[in-house]
Amino acid sequence: MTVLALTSVPRPTRPTLLTRPPRRPRSARCGVAPVPPTPWRARVRRIRRILSEETGAATAEYAVVIMAAVGFAGLLVVILKGDAVRGMLTDLVQSALAAGG
């Protein structure tokens, strides 16, 4: 009878922020001559960097919109519970039913 020994194979470590090697410039990766930065290239690079730093902004915006919707719904409930509004809505429904047939 043959017994197989199970040994753990070391997993390759994933690069993290501290161990990630520096990225090679595009000219070294693609064999393309480097392009000297022009003012508009620097501006585009800065805009991309700024826009990429907005992680979580959409979630915060959704939270603000949901809270505003909940507040508006609460306000509508308070308004519609009043006797004057209830009477107007009842009269509107009755007149609509009377006009229909």
C-alpha atoms as a PDB file:
ATOM      1  CA  MET A   1       0.000   0.000   0.000  1.00  0.00           C
ATOM      2  CA  THR A   2       1.367   3.370  -1.041  1.00  0.00           C
ATOM      3  CA  VAL A   3       0.868   6.361   1.202  1.00  0.00           C
ATOM      4  CA  LEU A   4       0.920   9.760  -0.419  1.00  0.00           C
ATOM      5  CA  ALA A   5       2.252  12.566   1.666  1.00  0.00           C
ATOM      6  CA  LEU A   6       0.327  15.773   1.273  1.00  0.00           C
ATOM      7  CA  THR A   7       2.601  18.727   1.507  1.00  0.00           C
ATOM      8  CA  SER A   8       1.495  22.279   1.352  1.00  0.00           C
ATOM      9  CA  VAL A   9       2.663  24.122  -1.687  1.00  0.00           C
ATOM     10  CA  PRO A  10       3.670  27.683  -0.884  1.00  0.00           C
ATOM     11  CA  ARG A  11       1.349  30.131  -2.526  1.00  0.00           C
ATOM     12  CA  PRO A  12       2.843  32.999  -4.416  1.00  0.00           C
ATOM     13  CA  THR A  13       2.394  36.147  -2.400  1.00  0.00           C
ATOM     14  CA  ARG A  14       0.228  38.834  -3.891  1.00  0.00           C
ATOM     15  CA  PRO A  15       1.928  42.168  -4.242  1.00  0.00           C
ATOM     16  CA  THR A  16       0.712  44.665  -1.709  1.00  0.00           C
ATOM     17  CA  LEU A  17       1.187  48.358  -1.423  1.00  0.00           C
ATOM     18  CA  LEU A  18       4.473  47.854   0.387  1.00  0.00           C
ATOM     19  CA  THR A  19       5.879  45.023  -1.747  1.00  0.00           C
ATOM     20  CA  ARG A  20       4.689  46.035  -5.196  1.00  0.00           C
ATOM     21  CA  PRO A  21       7.638  46.701  -7.485  1.00  0.00           C
ATOM     22  CA  PRO A  22       7.752  50.133  -9.093  1.00  0.00           C
ATOM     23  CA  ARG A  23       6.016  50.332 -12.438  1.00  0.00           C
ATOM     24  CA  ARG A  24       8.286  50.587 -15.420  1.00  0.00           C
ATOM     25  CA  PRO A  25       7.821  53.597 -17.673  1.00  0.00           C
ATOM     26  CA  ARG A  26       5.746  53.126 -20.803  1.00  0.00           C
ATOM     27  CA  SER A  27       8.776  53.454 -23.012  1.00  0.00           C
ATOM     28  CA  ALA A  28      10.347  50.421 -21.332  1.00  0.00           C
ATOM     29  CA  ARG A  29       7.134  48.374 -21.447  1.00  0.00           C
ATOM     30  CA  CYS A  30       6.062  49.052 -25.031  1.00  0.00           C
ATOM     31  CA  GLY A  31       9.274  49.959 -26.765  1.00  0.00           C
ATOM     32  CA  VAL A  32       7.949  53.451 -27.463  1.00  0.00           C
ATOM     33  CA  ALA A  33      10.083  56.528 -27.145  1.00  0.00           C
ATOM     34  CA  PRO A  34       9.038  58.605 -24.133  1.00  0.00           C
ATOM     35  CA  VAL A  35       6.947  61.648 -24.908  1.00  0.00           C
ATOM     36  CA  PRO A  36       7.990  64.791 -23.080  1.00  0.00           C
ATOM     37  CA  PRO A  37       5.159  66.009 -20.868  1.00  0.00           C
ATOM     38  CA  THR A  38       3.335  69.024 -22.168  1.00  0.00           C
ATOM     39  CA  PRO A  39       1.143  71.280 -20.035  1.00  0.00           C
ATOM     40  CA  TRP A  40      -2.073  69.639 -21.199  1.00  0.00           C
ATOM     41  CA  ARG A  41      -0.689  66.153 -20.539  1.00  0.00           C
ATOM     42  CA  ALA A  42       0.226  67.191 -17.023  1.00  0.00           C
ATOM     43  CA  ARG A  43      -3.249  68.678 -16.572  1.00  0.00           C
ATOM     44  CA  VAL A  44      -4.950  65.486 -17.794  1.00  0.00           C
ATOM     45  CA  ARG A  45      -2.735  63.415 -15.512  1.00  0.00           C
ATOM     46  CA  ARG A  46      -3.640  65.615 -12.537  1.00  0.00           C
ATOM     47  CA  ILE A  47      -7.374  65.443 -13.331  1.00  0.00           C
ATOM     48  CA  ARG A  48      -7.237  61.657 -13.618  1.00  0.00           C
ATOM     49  CA  ARG A  49      -5.438  61.429 -10.292  1.00  0.00           C
ATOM     50  CA  ILE A  50      -7.981  63.681  -8.595  1.00  0.00           C
ATOM     51  CA  LEU A  51     -10.963  61.809 -10.041  1.00  0.00           C
ATOM     52  CA  SER A  52      -9.549  58.426  -9.089  1.00  0.00           C
ATOM     53  CA  GLU A  53      -9.258  59.519  -5.447  1.00  0.00           C
ATOM     54  CA  GLU A  54     -13.038  59.877  -5.024  1.00  0.00           C
ATOM     55  CA  THR A  55     -13.665  56.350  -3.819  1.00  0.00           C
ATOM     56  CA  GLY A  56     -16.895  56.114  -1.850  1.00  0.00           C
ATOM     57  CA  ALA A  57     -18.273  59.416  -3.115  1.00  0.00           C
ATOM     58  CA  ALA A  58     -21.162  57.744  -4.951  1.00  0.00           C
ATOM     59  CA  THR A  59     -22.173  55.836  -1.824  1.00  0.00           C
ATOM     60  CA  ALA A  60     -22.238  59.049   0.197  1.00  0.00           C
ATOM     61  CA  GLU A  61     -24.340  60.752  -2.470  1.00  0.00           C
ATOM     62  CA  TYR A  62     -26.826  57.874  -2.442  1.00  0.00           C
ATOM     63  CA  ALA A  63     -27.060  58.129   1.348  1.00  0.00           C
ATOM     64  CA  VAL A  64     -27.814  61.865   1.159  1.00  0.00           C
ATOM     65  CA  VAL A  65     -30.498  61.329  -1.502  1.00  0.00           C
ATOM     66  CA  ILE A  66     -32.128  58.522   0.484  1.00  0.00           C
ATOM     67  CA  MET A  67     -32.202  60.643   3.644  1.00  0.00           C
ATOM     68  CA  ALA A  68     -33.791  63.524   1.711  1.00  0.00           C
ATOM     69  CA  ALA A  69     -36.409  61.150   0.265  1.00  0.00           C
ATOM     70  CA  VAL A  70     -37.224  59.786   3.726  1.00  0.00           C
ATOM     71  CA  GLY A  71     -37.617  63.321   5.077  1.00  0.00           C
ATOM     72  CA  PHE A  72     -39.880  64.281   2.170  1.00  0.00           C
ATOM     73  CA  ALA A  73     -42.003  61.146   2.668  1.00  0.00           C
ATOM     74  CA  GLY A  74     -42.360  61.953   6.368  1.00  0.00           C
ATOM     75  CA  LEU A  75     -43.440  65.487   5.528  1.00  0.00           C
ATOM     76  CA  LEU A  76     -46.052  64.182   3.078  1.00  0.00           C
ATOM     77  CA  VAL A  77     -47.429  61.784   5.695  1.00  0.00           C
ATOM     78  CA  VAL A  78     -47.809  64.625   8.201  1.00  0.00           C
ATOM     79  CA  ILE A  79     -49.515  66.855   5.627  1.00  0.00           C
ATOM     80  CA  LEU A  80     -51.858  64.179   4.298  1.00  0.00           C
ATOM     81  CA  LYS A  81     -52.999  63.154   7.786  1.00  0.00           C
ATOM     82  CA  GLY A  82     -54.623  66.557   8.275  1.00  0.00           C
ATOM     83  CA  ASP A  83     -58.423  66.774   8.147  1.00  0.00           C
ATOM     84  CA  ALA A  84     -58.476  69.541   5.522  1.00  0.00           C
ATOM     85  CA  VAL A  85     -56.375  67.554   3.064  1.00  0.00           C
ATOM     86  CA  ARG A  86     -58.317  64.378   3.732  1.00  0.00           C
ATOM     87  CA  GLY A  87     -61.590  66.234   2.998  1.00  0.00           C
ATOM     88  CA  MET A  88     -60.201  67.684  -0.249  1.00  0.00           C
ATOM     89  CA  LEU A  89     -59.006  64.260  -1.422  1.00  0.00           C
ATOM     90  CA  THR A  90     -62.368  62.677  -0.555  1.00  0.00           C
ATOM     91  CA  ASP A  91     -64.235  65.402  -2.485  1.00  0.00           C
ATOM     92  CA  LEU A  92     -61.875  64.952  -5.463  1.00  0.00           C
ATOM     93  CA  VAL A  93     -62.425  61.183  -5.572  1.00  0.00           C
ATOM     94  CA  GLN A  94     -66.198  61.550  -5.199  1.00  0.00           C
ATOM     95  CA  SER A  95     -66.418  64.147  -7.986  1.00  0.00           C
ATOM     96  CA  ALA A  96     -64.285  61.961 -10.248  1.00  0.00           C
ATOM     97  CA  LEU A  97     -66.528  58.959  -9.612  1.00  0.00           C
ATOM     98  CA  ALA A  98     -69.677  61.029 -10.137  1.00  0.00           C
ATOM     99  CA  ALA A  99     -68.376  62.414 -13.464  1.00  0.00           C
ATOM    100  CA  GLY A 100     -67.432  58.921 -14.655  1.00  0.00           C
ATOM    101  CA  GLY A 101     -70.784  57.405 -14.360  1.00  0.00           C
END
